[in-house]
Amino acid sequence: MKLIISSVSGEPIYEQIKRQIREAVLNGELKGGDALPSLRKLARELRISVLTVTRAYNELADEGIVVNVQGKGSFVADKGDERMKKKLIGQVRNALRQVGAAAKAADIPLIDLMDMLETEYKKAK
């Protein structure tokens, strides 16, 4: 897994690390039990602070995607991809709930809303 950090994206570096690791787990590039690069190694490769990498790994651990093992390193959690998919499905449901309420308030017919959803879905990366 190769992490690419942009200093001009406006996205905090620890968030860039988290996003790329999440994507690698979700697309199967990283699997449960796979070791992540050590904090120091990744910090040195990316020329960033160890604290930045630590924050990214700790937040991924809080999300259940990564397991930090004292003295051994950080590893992709077993079923970390399933946890992430469940979390993403929950986020989509919440967003759709809000969209449904807004569409009703704006008196947008369901068929028009579905067309709008299809258009936005196709635009998504």
Protein backbone atom coordinates (compact mmCIF):
# COMPACT_ATOMS: atom_id res chain seq x y z
CA MET A 1 0.00 0.00 0.00
CA LYS A 2 1.39 3.34 -1.05
CA LEU A 3 0.10 6.40 0.78
CA ILE A 4 0.20 9.71 -1.02
CA ILE A 5 -0.02 12.88 1.02
CA SER A 6 -0.93 16.24 -0.46
CA SER A 7 0.07 19.37 1.40
CA VAL A 8 -2.21 21.52 -0.77
CA SER A 9 -5.45 19.52 -0.54
CA GLY A 10 -6.73 21.32 2.54
CA GLU A 11 -7.52 17.95 4.13
CA PRO A 12 -5.54 17.33 7.33
CA ILE A 13 -2.72 14.83 6.85
CA TYR A 14 -4.03 12.42 9.49
CA GLU A 15 -7.40 12.41 7.66
CA GLN A 16 -5.64 11.65 4.36
CA ILE A 17 -3.90 8.69 5.99
CA LYS A 18 -7.16 7.43 7.52
CA ARG A 19 -9.06 7.81 4.24
CA GLN A 20 -6.45 5.93 2.22
CA ILE A 21 -6.19 3.11 4.74
CA ARG A 22 -10.01 2.84 4.88
CA GLU A 23 -10.13 2.66 1.07
CA ALA A 24 -7.41 -0.02 1.04
CA VAL A 25 -9.37 -2.11 3.57
CA LEU A 26 -12.67 -1.60 1.77
CA ASN A 27 -11.30 -2.57 -1.66
CA GLY A 28 -9.45 -5.60 -0.26
CA GLU A 29 -5.93 -4.31 -0.76
CA LEU A 30 -5.49 -4.68 3.01
CA LYS A 31 -7.05 -7.68 4.75
CA GLY A 32 -7.68 -8.59 8.37
CA GLY A 33 -4.38 -9.28 10.15
CA ASP A 34 -2.24 -7.35 7.68
CA ALA A 35 0.37 -5.21 9.40
CA LEU A 36 0.40 -1.49 8.78
CA PRO A 37 3.74 0.26 8.43
CA SER A 38 5.25 1.15 11.79
CA LEU A 39 4.55 4.64 13.08
CA ARG A 40 8.16 5.72 12.69
CA LYS A 41 8.61 4.14 9.27
CA LEU A 42 5.48 5.74 7.83
CA ALA A 43 6.32 9.10 9.42
CA ARG A 44 9.80 8.95 7.93
CA GLU A 45 8.52 7.92 4.47
CA LEU A 46 5.91 10.67 4.40
CA ARG A 47 8.18 13.20 6.14
CA ILE A 48 5.60 13.97 8.77
CA SER A 49 5.43 13.80 12.55
CA VAL A 50 5.06 10.45 14.32
CA LEU A 51 2.23 12.11 16.26
CA THR A 52 0.29 12.62 13.02
CA VAL A 53 0.54 8.93 12.12
CA THR A 54 -0.27 7.99 15.72
CA ARG A 55 -3.44 10.09 15.58
CA ALA A 56 -4.53 8.45 12.31
CA TYR A 57 -3.90 4.93 13.62
CA ASN A 58 -5.57 5.62 16.96
CA GLU A 59 -8.67 7.05 15.31
CA LEU A 60 -8.84 4.04 12.96
CA ALA A 61 -8.56 1.82 16.05
CA ASP A 62 -11.43 3.74 17.66
CA GLU A 63 -13.48 2.99 14.52
CA GLY A 64 -12.64 -0.73 14.83
CA ILE A 65 -10.74 -0.83 11.54
CA VAL A 66 -7.27 -1.19 13.04
CA VAL A 67 -5.96 -2.93 16.14
CA ASN A 68 -2.95 -1.45 17.89
CA VAL A 69 -0.89 -4.08 19.71
CA GLN A 70 1.53 -2.71 22.28
CA GLY A 71 5.10 -3.45 21.23
CA LYS A 72 4.08 -5.21 17.99
CA GLY A 73 2.45 -2.59 15.80
CA SER A 74 -0.84 -1.87 14.15
CA PHE A 75 -2.85 -4.41 12.20
CA VAL A 76 -6.02 -4.39 10.15
CA ALA A 77 -8.77 -5.71 12.40
CA ASP A 78 -10.49 -8.95 11.48
CA LYS A 79 -13.75 -8.01 9.79
CA GLY A 80 -12.59 -4.39 9.70
CA ASP A 81 -14.02 -4.18 6.19
CA GLU A 82 -17.41 -5.41 7.40
CA ARG A 83 -17.45 -2.82 10.20
CA MET A 84 -16.64 -0.13 7.72
CA LYS A 85 -19.36 -1.26 5.30
CA LYS A 86 -21.91 -1.33 8.13
CA LYS A 87 -20.85 2.14 9.20
CA LEU A 88 -21.07 3.44 5.63
CA ILE A 89 -24.51 1.87 5.19
CA GLY A 90 -25.62 3.63 8.37
CA GLN A 91 -24.30 6.94 7.05
CA VAL A 92 -26.13 6.41 3.75
CA ARG A 93 -29.39 5.61 5.57
CA ASN A 94 -29.08 8.75 7.69
CA ALA A 95 -28.34 10.88 4.63
CA LEU A 96 -31.27 9.34 2.72
CA ARG A 97 -33.56 10.00 5.69
CA GLN A 98 -32.61 13.68 5.54
CA VAL A 99 -32.91 13.77 1.75
CA GLY A 100 -36.35 12.13 1.92
CA ALA A 101 -37.56 14.68 4.45
CA ALA A 102 -36.17 17.58 2.39
CA ALA A 103 -37.73 16.18 -0.79
CA LYS A 104 -41.13 15.91 0.89
CA ALA A 105 -40.80 19.43 2.24
CA ALA A 106 -39.98 20.65 -1.28
CA ASP A 107 -42.84 18.55 -2.72
CA ILE A 108 -40.48 16.64 -5.03
CA PRO A 109 -42.14 13.48 -6.36
CA LEU A 110 -40.42 10.17 -5.56
CA ILE A 111 -39.72 9.45 -9.23
CA ASP A 112 -37.93 12.80 -9.61
CA LEU A 113 -35.99 12.16 -6.41
CA MET A 114 -34.91 8.76 -7.73
CA ASP A 115 -33.72 10.39 -10.97
CA MET A 116 -31.72 12.91 -8.94
CA LEU A 117 -30.24 10.09 -6.82
CA GLU A 118 -29.30 8.12 -9.92
CA THR A 119 -27.59 11.16 -11.44
CA GLU A 120 -25.59 11.85 -8.29
CA TYR A 121 -24.73 8.16 -7.85
CA LYS A 122 -23.28 8.05 -11.35
CA LYS A 123 -21.23 11.19 -10.68
CA ALA A 124 -19.72 9.74 -7.48
CA LYS A 125 -16.20 8.39 -7.67
